[in-house]
Amino acid sequence: MTGLVRVPLIRIAYGRSGDKGDTVNIGIAARQERYFPVLVEQVTAERVKAHFGAMVRGEVQRFELHNLWALNFLLHGALDGGGTVSLMLDGLGKTWANALLRMEVEISE
């Protein structure tokens, strides 16, 4: 019987992010099909919102793309108005996927 180990999401997934106005758009795709159920079960909208804390002022929406083994997240109210008005260091949301890939998930050994 195998146990569970905690690993950073980057071990089992790729990510990419960007902006749509004041919303960060993050795509997370499983490196292998066997990891997609882990993403679906453990990388919830609630966990993503908690991971970023006060940086996300609005809701977090999650969309499942089964044919791509991927999840897409919209983090509303995260860019302080968006790239053209924000004074944030990353007003275009390009680094947010890397930040999310630091979240830990549990996988079978």
PDB file of N, CA and C in Angstrom:
ATOM      1  N   MET A   1       0.843  -1.185   0.000  1.00  0.00           N
ATOM      2  CA  MET A   1       0.000   0.000   0.000  1.00  0.00           C
ATOM      3  C   MET A   1       0.885   1.244   0.000  1.00  0.00           C
ATOM      4  N   THR A   2       0.549   2.186  -0.818  1.00  0.00           N
ATOM      5  CA  THR A   2       1.352   3.404  -0.897  1.00  0.00           C
ATOM      6  C   THR A   2       0.713   4.495  -0.067  1.00  0.00           C
ATOM      7  N   GLY A   3       1.577   5.380   0.425  1.00  0.00           N
ATOM      8  CA  GLY A   3       1.091   6.511   1.195  1.00  0.00           C
ATOM      9  C   GLY A   3       1.001   7.752   0.338  1.00  0.00           C
ATOM     10  N   LEU A   4       0.600   8.832   0.973  1.00  0.00           N
ATOM     11  CA  LEU A   4       0.519  10.108   0.283  1.00  0.00           C
ATOM     12  C   LEU A   4       1.701  10.978   0.684  1.00  0.00           C
ATOM     13  N   VAL A   5       2.185  11.739  -0.266  1.00  0.00           N
ATOM     14  CA  VAL A   5       3.248  12.703  -0.001  1.00  0.00           C
ATOM     15  C   VAL A   5       2.778  14.074  -0.473  1.00  0.00           C
ATOM     16  N   ARG A   6       3.240  15.106   0.231  1.00  0.00           N
ATOM     17  CA  ARG A   6       2.916  16.486  -0.165  1.00  0.00           C
ATOM     18  C   ARG A   6       4.017  16.987  -1.084  1.00  0.00           C
ATOM     19  N   VAL A   7       3.600  17.526  -2.217  1.00  0.00           N
ATOM     20  CA  VAL A   7       4.555  18.068  -3.193  1.00  0.00           C
ATOM     21  C   VAL A   7       4.038  19.410  -3.699  1.00  0.00           C
ATOM     22  N   PRO A   8       4.936  20.276  -4.132  1.00  0.00           N
ATOM     23  CA  PRO A   8       4.450  21.509  -4.764  1.00  0.00           C
ATOM     24  C   PRO A   8       3.762  21.177  -6.088  1.00  0.00           C
ATOM     25  N   LEU A   9       2.761  21.930  -6.403  1.00  0.00           N
ATOM     26  CA  LEU A   9       1.983  21.716  -7.626  1.00  0.00           C
ATOM     27  C   LEU A   9       2.865  21.663  -8.871  1.00  0.00           C
ATOM     28  N   ILE A  10       3.969  22.382  -8.866  1.00  0.00           N
ATOM     29  CA  ILE A  10       4.854  22.412 -10.044  1.00  0.00           C
ATOM     30  C   ILE A  10       5.396  21.027 -10.392  1.00  0.00           C
ATOM     31  N   ARG A  11       5.425  20.104  -9.435  1.00  0.00           N
ATOM     32  CA  ARG A  11       5.902  18.743  -9.719  1.00  0.00           C
ATOM     33  C   ARG A  11       4.959  17.974 -10.632  1.00  0.00           C
ATOM     34  N   ILE A  12       3.675  18.359 -10.622  1.00  0.00           N
ATOM     35  CA  ILE A  12       2.701  17.592 -11.407  1.00  0.00           C
ATOM     36  C   ILE A  12       1.979  18.427 -12.456  1.00  0.00           C
ATOM     37  N   ALA A  13       2.281  19.739 -12.530  1.00  0.00           N
ATOM     38  CA  ALA A  13       1.521  20.598 -13.443  1.00  0.00           C
ATOM     39  C   ALA A  13       2.371  21.729 -14.006  1.00  0.00           C
ATOM     40  N   TYR A  14       1.909  22.245 -15.131  1.00  0.00           N
ATOM     41  CA  TYR A  14       2.462  23.454 -15.746  1.00  0.00           C
ATOM     42  C   TYR A  14       1.481  24.589 -15.487  1.00  0.00           C
ATOM     43  N   GLY A  15       1.941  25.812 -15.638  1.00  0.00           N
ATOM     44  CA  GLY A  15       1.027  26.930 -15.469  1.00  0.00           C
ATOM     45  C   GLY A  15       1.370  28.103 -16.363  1.00  0.00           C
ATOM     46  N   ARG A  16       0.361  28.904 -16.625  1.00  0.00           N
ATOM     47  CA  ARG A  16       0.538  30.128 -17.416  1.00  0.00           C
ATOM     48  C   ARG A  16      -0.531  31.118 -16.954  1.00  0.00           C
ATOM     49  N   SER A  17      -0.168  32.386 -16.925  1.00  0.00           N
ATOM     50  CA  SER A  17      -1.145  33.369 -16.464  1.00  0.00           C
ATOM     51  C   SER A  17      -1.013  34.681 -17.215  1.00  0.00           C
ATOM     52  N   GLY A  18      -2.049  35.489 -17.089  1.00  0.00           N
ATOM     53  CA  GLY A  18      -2.080  36.806 -17.707  1.00  0.00           C
ATOM     54  C   GLY A  18      -3.267  37.572 -17.172  1.00  0.00           C
ATOM     55  N   ASP A  19      -3.590  38.673 -17.829  1.00  0.00           N
ATOM     56  CA  ASP A  19      -4.644  39.532 -17.317  1.00  0.00           C
ATOM     57  C   ASP A  19      -5.775  39.699 -18.320  1.00  0.00           C
ATOM     58  N   LYS A  20      -6.895  40.018 -17.774  1.00  0.00           N
ATOM     59  CA  LYS A  20      -8.069  40.495 -18.513  1.00  0.00           C
ATOM     60  C   LYS A  20      -8.622  41.630 -17.666  1.00  0.00           C
ATOM     61  N   GLY A  21      -8.101  42.825 -17.881  1.00  0.00           N
ATOM     62  CA  GLY A  21      -8.509  43.966 -17.063  1.00  0.00           C
ATOM     63  C   GLY A  21      -8.024  43.788 -15.640  1.00  0.00           C
ATOM     64  N   ASP A  22      -8.950  43.784 -14.689  1.00  0.00           N
ATOM     65  CA  ASP A  22      -8.625  43.650 -13.266  1.00  0.00           C
ATOM     66  C   ASP A  22      -8.649  42.186 -12.815  1.00  0.00           C
ATOM     67  N   THR A  23      -8.760  41.266 -13.764  1.00  0.00           N
ATOM     68  CA  THR A  23      -8.870  39.840 -13.461  1.00  0.00           C
ATOM     69  C   THR A  23      -7.613  39.105 -13.908  1.00  0.00           C
ATOM     70  N   VAL A  24      -7.074  38.265 -13.015  1.00  0.00           N
ATOM     71  CA  VAL A  24      -5.963  37.388 -13.388  1.00  0.00           C
ATOM     72  C   VAL A  24      -6.550  36.098 -13.927  1.00  0.00           C
ATOM     73  N   ASN A  25      -6.018  35.616 -15.033  1.00  0.00           N
ATOM     74  CA  ASN A  25      -6.426  34.372 -15.667  1.00  0.00           C
ATOM     75  C   ASN A  25      -5.260  33.395 -15.521  1.00  0.00           C
ATOM     76  N   ILE A  26      -5.480  32.291 -14.792  1.00  0.00           N
ATOM     77  CA  ILE A  26      -4.419  31.299 -14.574  1.00  0.00           C
ATOM     78  C   ILE A  26      -4.857  29.961 -15.142  1.00  0.00           C
ATOM     79  N   GLY A  27      -4.021  29.384 -16.003  1.00  0.00           N
ATOM     80  CA  GLY A  27      -4.241  28.041 -16.513  1.00  0.00           C
ATOM     81  C   GLY A  27      -3.243  27.089 -15.870  1.00  0.00           C
ATOM     82  N   ILE A  28      -3.731  25.957 -15.374  1.00  0.00           N
ATOM     83  CA  ILE A  28      -2.895  24.922 -14.763  1.00  0.00           C
ATOM     84  C   ILE A  28      -3.199  23.622 -15.497  1.00  0.00           C
ATOM     85  N   ALA A  29      -2.165  22.978 -16.053  1.00  0.00           N
ATOM     86  CA  ALA A  29      -2.359  21.735 -16.806  1.00  0.00           C
ATOM     87  C   ALA A  29      -1.511  20.621 -16.213  1.00  0.00           C
ATOM     88  N   ALA A  30      -2.104  19.447 -16.055  1.00  0.00           N
ATOM     89  CA  ALA A  30      -1.404  18.294 -15.506  1.00  0.00           C
ATOM     90  C   ALA A  30      -0.298  17.842 -16.457  1.00  0.00           C
ATOM     91  N   ARG A  31       0.840  17.478 -15.897  1.00  0.00           N
ATOM     92  CA  ARG A  31       1.960  16.972 -16.700  1.00  0.00           C
ATOM     93  C   ARG A  31       1.655  15.592 -17.287  1.00  0.00           C
ATOM     94  N   GLN A  32       0.821  14.818 -16.578  1.00  0.00           N
ATOM     95  CA  GLN A  32       0.396  13.502 -17.044  1.00  0.00           C
ATOM     96  C   GLN A  32      -1.088  13.342 -16.721  1.00  0.00           C
ATOM     97  N   GLU A  33      -1.779  12.543 -17.508  1.00  0.00           N
ATOM     98  CA  GLU A  33      -3.215  12.357 -17.315  1.00  0.00           C
ATOM     99  C   GLU A  33      -3.552  11.890 -15.899  1.00  0.00           C
ATOM    100  N   ARG A  34      -2.695  11.053 -15.311  1.00  0.00           N
ATOM    101  CA  ARG A  34      -2.984  10.514 -13.975  1.00  0.00           C
ATOM    102  C   ARG A  34      -3.029  11.594 -12.900  1.00  0.00           C
ATOM    103  N   TYR A  35      -2.464  12.768 -13.183  1.00  0.00           N
ATOM    104  CA  TYR A  35      -2.469  13.854 -12.208  1.00  0.00           C
ATOM    105  C   TYR A  35      -3.702  14.763 -12.323  1.00  0.00           C
ATOM    106  N   PHE A  36      -4.446  14.644 -13.405  1.00  0.00           N
ATOM    107  CA  PHE A  36      -5.601  15.523 -13.568  1.00  0.00           C
ATOM    108  C   PHE A  36      -6.628  15.351 -12.446  1.00  0.00           C
ATOM    109  N   PRO A  37      -6.958  14.124 -12.021  1.00  0.00           N
ATOM    110  CA  PRO A  37      -7.901  14.001 -10.897  1.00  0.00           C
ATOM    111  C   PRO A  37      -7.396  14.672  -9.610  1.00  0.00           C
ATOM    112  N   VAL A  38      -6.099  14.705  -9.410  1.00  0.00           N
ATOM    113  CA  VAL A  38      -5.532  15.400  -8.245  1.00  0.00           C
ATOM    114  C   VAL A  38      -5.826  16.890  -8.351  1.00  0.00           C
ATOM    115  N   LEU A  39      -5.649  17.446  -9.546  1.00  0.00           N
ATOM    116  CA  LEU A  39      -5.950  18.860  -9.747  1.00  0.00           C
ATOM    117  C   LEU A  39      -7.418  19.136  -9.463  1.00  0.00           C
ATOM    118  N   VAL A  40      -8.296  18.325 -10.026  1.00  0.00           N
ATOM    119  CA  VAL A  40      -9.739  18.533  -9.869  1.00  0.00           C
ATOM    120  C   VAL A  40     -10.131  18.466  -8.393  1.00  0.00           C
ATOM    121  N   GLU A  41      -9.582  17.507  -7.673  1.00  0.00           N
ATOM    122  CA  GLU A  41      -9.953  17.308  -6.276  1.00  0.00           C
ATOM    123  C   GLU A  41      -9.346  18.352  -5.340  1.00  0.00           C
ATOM    124  N   GLN A  42      -8.082  18.711  -5.573  1.00  0.00           N
ATOM    125  CA  GLN A  42      -7.365  19.504  -4.575  1.00  0.00           C
ATOM    126  C   GLN A  42      -7.144  20.975  -4.926  1.00  0.00           C
ATOM    127  N   VAL A  43      -7.178  21.330  -6.190  1.00  0.00           N
ATOM    128  CA  VAL A  43      -6.937  22.726  -6.570  1.00  0.00           C
ATOM    129  C   VAL A  43      -8.298  23.375  -6.840  1.00  0.00           C
ATOM    130  N   THR A  44      -8.974  23.660  -5.758  1.00  0.00           N
ATOM    131  CA  THR A  44     -10.320  24.223  -5.824  1.00  0.00           C
ATOM    132  C   THR A  44     -10.255  25.749  -5.877  1.00  0.00           C
ATOM    133  N   ALA A  45     -11.355  26.356  -6.251  1.00  0.00           N
ATOM    134  CA  ALA A  45     -11.433  27.822  -6.253  1.00  0.00           C
ATOM    135  C   ALA A  45     -11.185  28.366  -4.847  1.00  0.00           C
ATOM    136  N   GLU A  46     -11.704  27.678  -3.845  1.00  0.00           N
ATOM    137  CA  GLU A  46     -11.526  28.124  -2.463  1.00  0.00           C
ATOM    138  C   GLU A  46     -10.060  28.070  -2.031  1.00  0.00           C
ATOM    139  N   ARG A  47      -9.372  26.999  -2.402  1.00  0.00           N
ATOM    140  CA  ARG A  47      -7.949  26.894  -2.043  1.00  0.00           C
ATOM    141  C   ARG A  47      -7.116  27.929  -2.773  1.00  0.00           C
ATOM    142  N   VAL A  48      -7.451  28.195  -4.032  1.00  0.00           N
ATOM    143  CA  VAL A  48      -6.709  29.202  -4.796  1.00  0.00           C
ATOM    144  C   VAL A  48      -6.910  30.573  -4.157  1.00  0.00           C
ATOM    145  N   LYS A  49      -8.135  30.887  -3.798  1.00  0.00           N
ATOM    146  CA  LYS A  49      -8.404  32.178  -3.148  1.00  0.00           C
ATOM    147  C   LYS A  49      -7.636  32.279  -1.828  1.00  0.00           C
ATOM    148  N   ALA A  50      -7.645  31.215  -1.047  1.00  0.00           N
ATOM    149  CA  ALA A  50      -6.916  31.214   0.226  1.00  0.00           C
ATOM    150  C   ALA A  50      -5.409  31.330   0.001  1.00  0.00           C
ATOM    151  N   HIS A  51      -4.901  30.698  -1.047  1.00  0.00           N
ATOM    152  CA  HIS A  51      -3.468  30.731  -1.354  1.00  0.00           C
ATOM    153  C   HIS A  51      -2.999  32.169  -1.589  1.00  0.00           C
ATOM    154  N   PHE A  52      -3.811  32.952  -2.277  1.00  0.00           N
ATOM    155  CA  PHE A  52      -3.436  34.335  -2.577  1.00  0.00           C
ATOM    156  C   PHE A  52      -3.910  35.328  -1.517  1.00  0.00           C
ATOM    157  N   GLY A  53      -4.802  34.909  -0.652  1.00  0.00           N
ATOM    158  CA  GLY A  53      -5.244  35.746   0.452  1.00  0.00           C
ATOM    159  C   GLY A  53      -5.825  37.077   0.002  1.00  0.00           C
ATOM    160  N   ALA A  54      -5.424  38.151   0.684  1.00  0.00           N
ATOM    161  CA  ALA A  54      -5.976  39.484   0.450  1.00  0.00           C
ATOM    162  C   ALA A  54      -5.625  40.058  -0.916  1.00  0.00           C
ATOM    163  N   MET A  55      -4.737  39.400  -1.662  1.00  0.00           N
ATOM    164  CA  MET A  55      -4.391  39.890  -3.001  1.00  0.00           C
ATOM    165  C   MET A  55      -5.575  39.778  -3.963  1.00  0.00           C
ATOM    166  N   VAL A  56      -6.507  38.871  -3.679  1.00  0.00           N
ATOM    167  CA  VAL A  56      -7.688  38.684  -4.529  1.00  0.00           C
ATOM    168  C   VAL A  56      -8.896  39.224  -3.781  1.00  0.00           C
ATOM    169  N   ARG A  57      -9.418  40.339  -4.242  1.00  0.00           N
ATOM    170  CA  ARG A  57     -10.535  40.995  -3.559  1.00  0.00           C
ATOM    171  C   ARG A  57     -11.896  40.475  -4.018  1.00  0.00           C
ATOM    172  N   GLY A  58     -11.962  39.875  -5.178  1.00  0.00           N
ATOM    173  CA  GLY A  58     -13.230  39.355  -5.695  1.00  0.00           C
ATOM    174  C   GLY A  58     -13.295  37.846  -5.600  1.00  0.00           C
ATOM    175  N   GLU A  59     -14.245  37.289  -6.349  1.00  0.00           N
ATOM    176  CA  GLU A  59     -14.410  35.834  -6.338  1.00  0.00           C
ATOM    177  C   GLU A  59     -13.375  35.149  -7.232  1.00  0.00           C
ATOM    178  N   VAL A  60     -13.186  33.864  -7.002  1.00  0.00           N
ATOM    179  CA  VAL A  60     -12.344  33.027  -7.860  1.00  0.00           C
ATOM    180  C   VAL A  60     -13.260  32.015  -8.529  1.00  0.00           C
ATOM    181  N   GLN A  61     -13.202  31.961  -9.847  1.00  0.00           N
ATOM    182  CA  GLN A  61     -13.978  30.990 -10.614  1.00  0.00           C
ATOM    183  C   GLN A  61     -13.034  29.924 -11.162  1.00  0.00           C
ATOM    184  N   ARG A  62     -13.518  28.696 -11.220  1.00  0.00           N
ATOM    185  CA  ARG A  62     -12.720  27.602 -11.786  1.00  0.00           C
ATOM    186  C   ARG A  62     -13.488  26.941 -12.907  1.00  0.00           C
ATOM    187  N   PHE A  63     -12.767  26.629 -13.987  1.00  0.00           N
ATOM    188  CA  PHE A  63     -13.329  25.930 -15.134  1.00  0.00           C
ATOM    189  C   PHE A  63     -12.470  24.701 -15.401  1.00  0.00           C
ATOM    190  N   GLU A  64     -13.116  23.566 -15.670  1.00  0.00           N
ATOM    191  CA  GLU A  64     -12.406  22.318 -15.938  1.00  0.00           C
ATOM    192  C   GLU A  64     -12.346  22.067 -17.439  1.00  0.00           C
ATOM    193  N   LEU A  65     -11.164  21.737 -17.924  1.00  0.00           N
ATOM    194  CA  LEU A  65     -10.956  21.417 -19.336  1.00  0.00           C
ATOM    195  C   LEU A  65     -10.421  19.984 -19.403  1.00  0.00           C
ATOM    196  N   HIS A  66     -11.334  19.027 -19.336  1.00  0.00           N
ATOM    197  CA  HIS A  66     -10.957  17.612 -19.236  1.00  0.00           C
ATOM    198  C   HIS A  66     -10.111  17.154 -20.424  1.00  0.00           C
ATOM    199  N   ASN A  67     -10.428  17.637 -21.610  1.00  0.00           N
ATOM    200  CA  ASN A  67      -9.684  17.188 -22.797  1.00  0.00           C
ATOM    201  C   ASN A  67      -8.234  17.686 -22.791  1.00  0.00           C
ATOM    202  N   LEU A  68      -7.934  18.692 -22.000  1.00  0.00           N
ATOM    203  CA  LEU A  68      -6.560  19.222 -21.898  1.00  0.00           C
ATOM    204  C   LEU A  68      -5.894  18.850 -20.574  1.00  0.00           C
ATOM    205  N   TRP A  69      -6.601  18.121 -19.700  1.00  0.00           N
ATOM    206  CA  TRP A  69      -6.140  17.806 -18.343  1.00  0.00           C
ATOM    207  C   TRP A  69      -5.793  19.095 -17.615  1.00  0.00           C
ATOM    208  N   ALA A  70      -6.653  20.087 -17.737  1.00  0.00           N
ATOM    209  CA  ALA A  70      -6.317  21.418 -17.233  1.00  0.00           C
ATOM    210  C   ALA A  70      -7.477  22.062 -16.482  1.00  0.00           C
ATOM    211  N   LEU A  71      -7.101  23.051 -15.678  1.00  0.00           N
ATOM    212  CA  LEU A  71      -8.049  23.911 -14.986  1.00  0.00           C
ATOM    213  C   LEU A  71      -7.735  25.348 -15.362  1.00  0.00           C
ATOM    214  N   ASN A  72      -8.765  26.159 -15.451  1.00  0.00           N
ATOM    215  CA  ASN A  72      -8.573  27.586 -15.700  1.00  0.00           C
ATOM    216  C   ASN A  72      -9.247  28.349 -14.571  1.00  0.00           C
ATOM    217  N   PHE A  73      -8.548  29.325 -14.038  1.00  0.00           N
ATOM    218  CA  PHE A  73      -9.059  30.133 -12.932  1.00  0.00           C
ATOM    219  C   PHE A  73      -9.130  31.589 -13.335  1.00  0.00           C
ATOM    220  N   LEU A  74     -10.207  32.243 -12.907  1.00  0.00           N
ATOM    221  CA  LEU A  74     -10.334  33.690 -13.033  1.00  0.00           C
ATOM    222  C   LEU A  74     -10.355  34.254 -11.628  1.00  0.00           C
ATOM    223  N   LEU A  75      -9.386  35.112 -11.324  1.00  0.00           N
ATOM    224  CA  LEU A  75      -9.269  35.731 -10.011  1.00  0.00           C
ATOM    225  C   LEU A  75      -9.683  37.194 -10.159  1.00  0.00           C
ATOM    226  N   HIS A  76     -10.932  37.475  -9.813  1.00  0.00           N
ATOM    227  CA  HIS A  76     -11.497  38.806 -10.008  1.00  0.00           C
ATOM    228  C   HIS A  76     -10.996  39.773  -8.935  1.00  0.00           C
ATOM    229  N   GLY A  77     -10.763  41.005  -9.343  1.00  0.00           N
ATOM    230  CA  GLY A  77     -10.337  42.030  -8.403  1.00  0.00           C
ATOM    231  C   GLY A  77      -8.937  41.814  -7.874  1.00  0.00           C
ATOM    232  N   ALA A  78      -8.046  41.270  -8.693  1.00  0.00           N
ATOM    233  CA  ALA A  78      -6.704  40.935  -8.224  1.00  0.00           C
ATOM    234  C   ALA A  78      -5.607  41.867  -8.734  1.00  0.00           C
ATOM    235  N   LEU A  79      -5.917  42.739  -9.676  1.00  0.00           N
ATOM    236  CA  LEU A  79      -4.853  43.529 -10.302  1.00  0.00           C
ATOM    237  C   LEU A  79      -4.955  45.031 -10.047  1.00  0.00           C
ATOM    238  N   ASP A  80      -5.640  45.393  -8.992  1.00  0.00           N
ATOM    239  CA  ASP A  80      -5.699  46.802  -8.598  1.00  0.00           C
ATOM    240  C   ASP A  80      -6.101  47.709  -9.762  1.00  0.00           C
ATOM    241  N   GLY A  81      -7.093  47.266 -10.520  1.00  0.00           N
ATOM    242  CA  GLY A  81      -7.591  48.063 -11.628  1.00  0.00           C
ATOM    243  C   GLY A  81      -7.105  47.630 -12.993  1.00  0.00           C
ATOM    244  N   GLY A  82      -6.055  46.847 -13.068  1.00  0.00           N
ATOM    245  CA  GLY A  82      -5.549  46.360 -14.351  1.00  0.00           C
ATOM    246  C   GLY A  82      -4.267  47.037 -14.791  1.00  0.00           C
ATOM    247  N   GLY A  83      -3.675  46.484 -15.824  1.00  0.00           N
ATOM    248  CA  GLY A  83      -2.349  46.887 -16.292  1.00  0.00           C
ATOM    249  C   GLY A  83      -2.179  48.353 -16.637  1.00  0.00           C
ATOM    250  N   THR A  84      -3.213  48.996 -17.133  1.00  0.00           N
ATOM    251  CA  THR A  84      -3.046  50.386 -17.560  1.00  0.00           C
ATOM    252  C   THR A  84      -3.138  51.380 -16.414  1.00  0.00           C
ATOM    253  N   VAL A  85      -3.681  50.966 -15.265  1.00  0.00           N
ATOM    254  CA  VAL A  85      -3.815  51.890 -14.141  1.00  0.00           C
ATOM    255  C   VAL A  85      -3.146  51.417 -12.858  1.00  0.00           C
ATOM    256  N   SER A  86      -2.796  50.147 -12.799  1.00  0.00           N
ATOM    257  CA  SER A  86      -2.256  49.581 -11.573  1.00  0.00           C
ATOM    258  C   SER A  86      -0.815  50.015 -11.323  1.00  0.00           C
ATOM    259  N   LEU A  87      -0.495  50.226 -10.058  1.00  0.00           N
ATOM    260  CA  LEU A  87       0.889  50.492  -9.649  1.00  0.00           C
ATOM    261  C   LEU A  87       1.552  49.237  -9.097  1.00  0.00           C
ATOM    262  N   MET A  88       0.879  48.100  -9.224  1.00  0.00           N
ATOM    263  CA  MET A  88       1.440  46.831  -8.763  1.00  0.00           C
ATOM    264  C   MET A  88       2.678  46.486  -9.592  1.00  0.00           C
ATOM    265  N   LEU A  89       3.595  45.758  -8.989  1.00  0.00           N
ATOM    266  CA  LEU A  89       4.785  45.320  -9.695  1.00  0.00           C
ATOM    267  C   LEU A  89       4.426  44.451 -10.901  1.00  0.00           C
ATOM    268  N   ASP A  90       3.412  43.599 -10.749  1.00  0.00           N
ATOM    269  CA  ASP A  90       2.957  42.739 -11.835  1.00  0.00           C
ATOM    270  C   ASP A  90       1.504  43.061 -12.162  1.00  0.00           C
ATOM    271  N   GLY A  91       1.260  44.209 -12.727  1.00  0.00           N
ATOM    272  CA  GLY A  91      -0.086  44.636 -13.060  1.00  0.00           C
ATOM    273  C   GLY A  91      -0.713  43.863 -14.203  1.00  0.00           C
ATOM    274  N   LEU A  92       0.075  43.009 -14.876  1.00  0.00           N
ATOM    275  CA  LEU A  92      -0.438  42.198 -15.984  1.00  0.00           C
ATOM    276  C   LEU A  92      -0.634  40.737 -15.602  1.00  0.00           C
ATOM    277  N   GLY A  93      -0.344  40.377 -14.364  1.00  0.00           N
ATOM    278  CA  GLY A  93      -0.622  39.035 -13.867  1.00  0.00           C
ATOM    279  C   GLY A  93       0.259  37.930 -14.419  1.00  0.00           C
ATOM    280  N   LYS A  94       1.405  38.268 -14.973  1.00  0.00           N
ATOM    281  CA  LYS A  94       2.251  37.257 -15.627  1.00  0.00           C
ATOM    282  C   LYS A  94       2.917  36.278 -14.649  1.00  0.00           C
ATOM    283  N   THR A  95       3.096  36.659 -13.392  1.00  0.00           N
ATOM    284  CA  THR A  95       3.805  35.796 -12.439  1.00  0.00           C
ATOM    285  C   THR A  95       2.876  34.977 -11.548  1.00  0.00           C
ATOM    286  N   TRP A  96       1.582  35.172 -11.681  1.00  0.00           N
ATOM    287  CA  TRP A  96       0.646  34.526 -10.779  1.00  0.00           C
ATOM    288  C   TRP A  96       0.617  33.005 -10.924  1.00  0.00           C
ATOM    289  N   ALA A  97       0.799  32.474 -12.109  1.00  0.00           N
ATOM    290  CA  ALA A  97       0.826  31.009 -12.276  1.00  0.00           C
ATOM    291  C   ALA A  97       1.992  30.421 -11.499  1.00  0.00           C
ATOM    292  N   ASN A  98       3.156  31.070 -11.572  1.00  0.00           N
ATOM    293  CA  ASN A  98       4.306  30.570 -10.819  1.00  0.00           C
ATOM    294  C   ASN A  98       4.028  30.584  -9.326  1.00  0.00           C
ATOM    295  N   ALA A  99       3.351  31.610  -8.857  1.00  0.00           N
ATOM    296  CA  ALA A  99       3.003  31.675  -7.435  1.00  0.00           C
ATOM    297  C   ALA A  99       2.040  30.545  -7.064  1.00  0.00           C
ATOM    298  N   LEU A 100       1.073  30.252  -7.927  1.00  0.00           N
ATOM    299  CA  LEU A 100       0.130  29.175  -7.636  1.00  0.00           C
ATOM    300  C   LEU A 100       0.816  27.814  -7.659  1.00  0.00           C
ATOM    301  N   LEU A 101       1.799  27.635  -8.522  1.00  0.00           N
ATOM    302  CA  LEU A 101       2.502  26.346  -8.610  1.00  0.00           C
ATOM    303  C   LEU A 101       3.296  26.027  -7.354  1.00  0.00           C
ATOM    304  N   ARG A 102       3.389  26.951  -6.417  1.00  0.00           N
ATOM    305  CA  ARG A 102       4.034  26.693  -5.127  1.00  0.00           C
ATOM    306  C   ARG A 102       3.065  26.051  -4.129  1.00  0.00           C
ATOM    307  N   MET A 103       1.761  26.073  -4.435  1.00  0.00           N
ATOM    308  CA  MET A 103       0.770  25.427  -3.566  1.00  0.00           C
ATOM    309  C   MET A 103       1.082  23.934  -3.465  1.00  0.00           C
ATOM    310  N   GLU A 104       0.906  23.350  -2.300  1.00  0.00           N
ATOM    311  CA  GLU A 104       1.170  21.926  -2.140  1.00  0.00           C
ATOM    312  C   GLU A 104      -0.101  21.098  -2.316  1.00  0.00           C
ATOM    313  N   VAL A 105       0.096  19.923  -2.926  1.00  0.00           N
ATOM    314  CA  VAL A 105      -0.981  18.947  -3.084  1.00  0.00           C
ATOM    315  C   VAL A 105      -0.458  17.606  -2.596  1.00  0.00           C
ATOM    316  N   GLU A 106      -1.370  16.680  -2.363  1.00  0.00           N
ATOM    317  CA  GLU A 106      -0.990  15.330  -1.935  1.00  0.00           C
ATOM    318  C   GLU A 106      -1.146  14.365  -3.102  1.00  0.00           C
ATOM    319  N   ILE A 107      -0.100  13.573  -3.333  1.00  0.00           N
ATOM    320  CA  ILE A 107      -0.152  12.539  -4.381  1.00  0.00           C
ATOM    321  C   ILE A 107       0.334  11.222  -3.804  1.00  0.00           C
ATOM    322  N   SER A 108      -0.002  10.130  -4.461  1.00  0.00           N
ATOM    323  CA  SER A 108       0.471   8.805  -4.054  1.00  0.00           C
ATOM    324  C   SER A 108       1.953   8.682  -4.348  1.00  0.00           C
ATOM    325  N   GLU A 109       2.639   7.998  -3.441  1.00  0.00           N
ATOM    326  CA  GLU A 109       4.084   7.783  -3.637  1.00  0.00           C
ATOM    327  C   GLU A 109       4.343   6.903  -4.831  1.00  0.00           C
TER     328      GLU A 109
END
